[in-house]
C-alpha atoms as a PDB file:
ATOM      1  CA  MET A   1     149.126-119.437-131.824  1.00  0.00           C
ATOM      2  CA  LEU A   2     145.438-119.901-132.502  1.00  0.00           C
ATOM      3  CA  LYS A   3     144.481-116.961-134.708  1.00  0.00           C
ATOM      4  CA  ALA A   4     140.803-117.785-135.013  1.00  0.00           C
ATOM      5  CA  ASN A   5     138.381-115.280-133.582  1.00  0.00           C
ATOM      6  CA  ALA A   6     136.182-117.279-131.232  1.00  0.00           C
ATOM      7  CA  ASN A   7     133.692-114.423-130.998  1.00  0.00           C
ATOM      8  CA  ASP A   8     132.969-114.599-134.717  1.00  0.00           C
ATOM      9  CA  ASN A   9     133.529-118.312-135.358  1.00  0.00           C
ATOM     10  CA  TRP A  10     132.501-120.104-132.174  1.00  0.00           C
ATOM     11  CA  SER A  11     129.366-121.630-133.699  1.00  0.00           C
ATOM     12  CA  TYR A  12     131.542-123.233-136.403  1.00  0.00           C
ATOM     13  CA  TYR A  13     133.955-124.710-133.855  1.00  0.00           C
ATOM     14  CA  ASN A  14     131.157-125.727-131.502  1.00  0.00           C
ATOM     15  CA  ASN A  15     129.485-127.588-134.353  1.00  0.00           C
ATOM     16  CA  GLU A  16     132.786-129.319-135.173  1.00  0.00           C
ATOM     17  CA  ILE A  17     133.107-130.418-131.523  1.00  0.00           C
ATOM     18  CA  MET A  18     129.503-131.633-131.391  1.00  0.00           C
ATOM     19  CA  VAL A  19     129.822-133.641-134.624  1.00  0.00           C
ATOM     20  CA  ASN A  20     133.285-135.089-134.008  1.00  0.00           C
ATOM     21  CA  VAL A  21     133.165-135.680-130.233  1.00  0.00           C
ATOM     22  CA  GLU A  22     129.762-135.365-128.604  1.00  0.00           C
ATOM     23  CA  ALA A  23     127.752-137.305-131.182  1.00  0.00           C
ATOM     24  CA  PRO A  24     130.044-140.364-131.414  1.00  0.00           C
ATOM     25  CA  ILE A  25     130.437-140.534-127.632  1.00  0.00           C
ATOM     26  CA  HIS A  26     126.690-140.205-127.100  1.00  0.00           C
ATOM     27  CA  LEU A  27     125.895-142.854-129.719  1.00  0.00           C
ATOM     28  CA  SER A  28     128.580-145.195-128.383  1.00  0.00           C
ATOM     29  CA  MET A  29     127.156-144.944-124.886  1.00  0.00           C
ATOM     30  CA  LEU A  30     123.609-145.492-126.132  1.00  0.00           C
ATOM     31  CA  PHE A  31     124.431-148.534-128.272  1.00  0.00           C
ATOM     32  CA  ALA A  32     127.186-150.212-126.195  1.00  0.00           C
ATOM     33  CA  PRO A  33     124.744-152.139-123.957  1.00  0.00           C
ATOM     34  CA  PHE A  34     122.804-153.333-126.998  1.00  0.00           C
ATOM     35  CA  PHE A  35     125.914-154.404-128.917  1.00  0.00           C
ATOM     36  CA  ALA A  36     127.349-156.146-125.842  1.00  0.00           C
ATOM     37  CA  LYS A  37     124.498-158.671-126.106  1.00  0.00           C
ATOM     38  CA  LYS A  38     124.949-159.281-129.850  1.00  0.00           C
ATOM     39  CA  GLU A  39     127.612-161.660-131.061  1.00  0.00           C
ATOM     40  CA  GLY A  40     129.794-160.134-133.756  1.00  0.00           C
ATOM     41  CA  ALA A  41     128.449-156.618-133.205  1.00  0.00           C
ATOM     42  CA  ALA A  42     130.801-153.735-132.522  1.00  0.00           C
ATOM     43  CA  ILE A  43     130.976-149.969-132.520  1.00  0.00           C
ATOM     44  CA  VAL A  44     133.414-148.490-135.038  1.00  0.00           C
ATOM     45  CA  ASN A  45     134.714-145.019-134.210  1.00  0.00           C
ATOM     46  CA  VAL A  46     136.589-143.305-137.033  1.00  0.00           C
ATOM     47  CA  THR A  47     139.360-140.977-135.967  1.00  0.00           C
ATOM     48  CA  SER A  48     142.230-139.465-137.923  1.00  0.00           C
ATOM     49  CA  GLY A  49     145.980-139.499-138.113  1.00  0.00           C
ATOM     50  CA  LEU A  50     145.666-135.927-136.868  1.00  0.00           C
ATOM     51  CA  ALA A  51     144.774-137.405-133.483  1.00  0.00           C
ATOM     52  CA  PHE A  52     148.464-138.348-133.215  1.00  0.00           C
ATOM     53  CA  THR A  53     150.099-135.605-135.279  1.00  0.00           C
ATOM     54  CA  PRO A  54     148.006-132.433-135.001  1.00  0.00           C
ATOM     55  CA  LEU A  55     147.818-130.009-137.907  1.00  0.00           C
ATOM     56  CA  ALA A  56     148.566-126.398-136.953  1.00  0.00           C
ATOM     57  CA  ILE A  57     145.882-125.027-139.280  1.00  0.00           C
ATOM     58  CA  ALA A  58     143.215-127.347-137.831  1.00  0.00           C
ATOM     59  CA  PRO A  59     143.721-127.355-134.053  1.00  0.00           C
ATOM     60  CA  VAL A  60     140.086-127.916-133.099  1.00  0.00           C
ATOM     61  CA  TYR A  61     139.602-130.719-135.636  1.00  0.00           C
ATOM     62  CA  SER A  62     142.833-132.380-134.491  1.00  0.00           C
ATOM     63  CA  ALA A  63     141.779-132.085-130.847  1.00  0.00           C
ATOM     64  CA  THR A  64     138.366-133.606-131.547  1.00  0.00           C
ATOM     65  CA  LYS A  65     139.911-136.602-133.268  1.00  0.00           C
ATOM     66  CA  SER A  66     142.353-137.046-130.393  1.00  0.00           C
ATOM     67  CA  ALA A  67     139.484-136.902-127.890  1.00  0.00           C
ATOM     68  CA  LEU A  68     137.489-139.525-129.789  1.00  0.00           C
ATOM     69  CA  HIS A  69     140.536-141.785-130.065  1.00  0.00           C
ATOM     70  CA  SER A  70     141.121-141.506-126.308  1.00  0.00           C
ATOM     71  CA  PHE A  71     137.459-142.312-125.597  1.00  0.00           C
ATOM     72  CA  THR A  72     137.591-145.311-127.943  1.00  0.00           C
ATOM     73  CA  MET A  73     140.761-146.659-126.343  1.00  0.00           C
ATOM     74  CA  SER A  74     139.155-146.294-122.903  1.00  0.00           C
ATOM     75  CA  LEU A  75     136.198-148.377-124.057  1.00  0.00           C
ATOM     76  CA  ILE A  76     138.562-151.039-125.371  1.00  0.00           C
ATOM     77  CA  LEU A  77     140.361-151.140-122.015  1.00  0.00           C
ATOM     78  CA  ASP A  78     136.922-151.582-120.429  1.00  0.00           C
ATOM     79  CA  GLU A  79     136.477-154.611-122.729  1.00  0.00           C
ATOM     80  CA  GLN A  80     133.694-153.043-124.755  1.00  0.00           C
ATOM     81  CA  LYS A  81     133.137-154.161-128.336  1.00  0.00           C
ATOM     82  CA  VAL A  82     134.661-151.132-130.037  1.00  0.00           C
ATOM     83  CA  LEU A  83     136.942-150.930-133.051  1.00  0.00           C
ATOM     84  CA  PRO A  84     139.133-147.899-133.659  1.00  0.00           C
ATOM     85  CA  MET A  85     139.610-146.889-137.284  1.00  0.00           C
ATOM     86  CA  VAL A  86     142.221-144.290-138.082  1.00  0.00           C
ATOM     87  CA  ALA A  87     141.908-142.513-141.419  1.00  0.00           C
ATOM     88  CA  PRO A  88     145.140-141.071-142.833  1.00  0.00           C
ATOM     89  CA  PHE A  89     143.951-137.473-142.297  1.00  0.00           C
END
């Protein structure tokens, strides 16, 4: 069960979502057309092993990494020049 108090901590979690999900997705969408025209250029999105095995004490962080991994894999399926990098944690 998520024991965090969203009323008191929402700005912290919202910031975590913005940094780990919104910013990389926004930047990827902005730069993808530019990189598509450049040979050898690619976007590298760094996710985490927690995208695959969530950590109970970090549910929002784990969810953000899973979301970014899913977005990155979708771009790869769309034949965009994107490289997924998965850090151990």
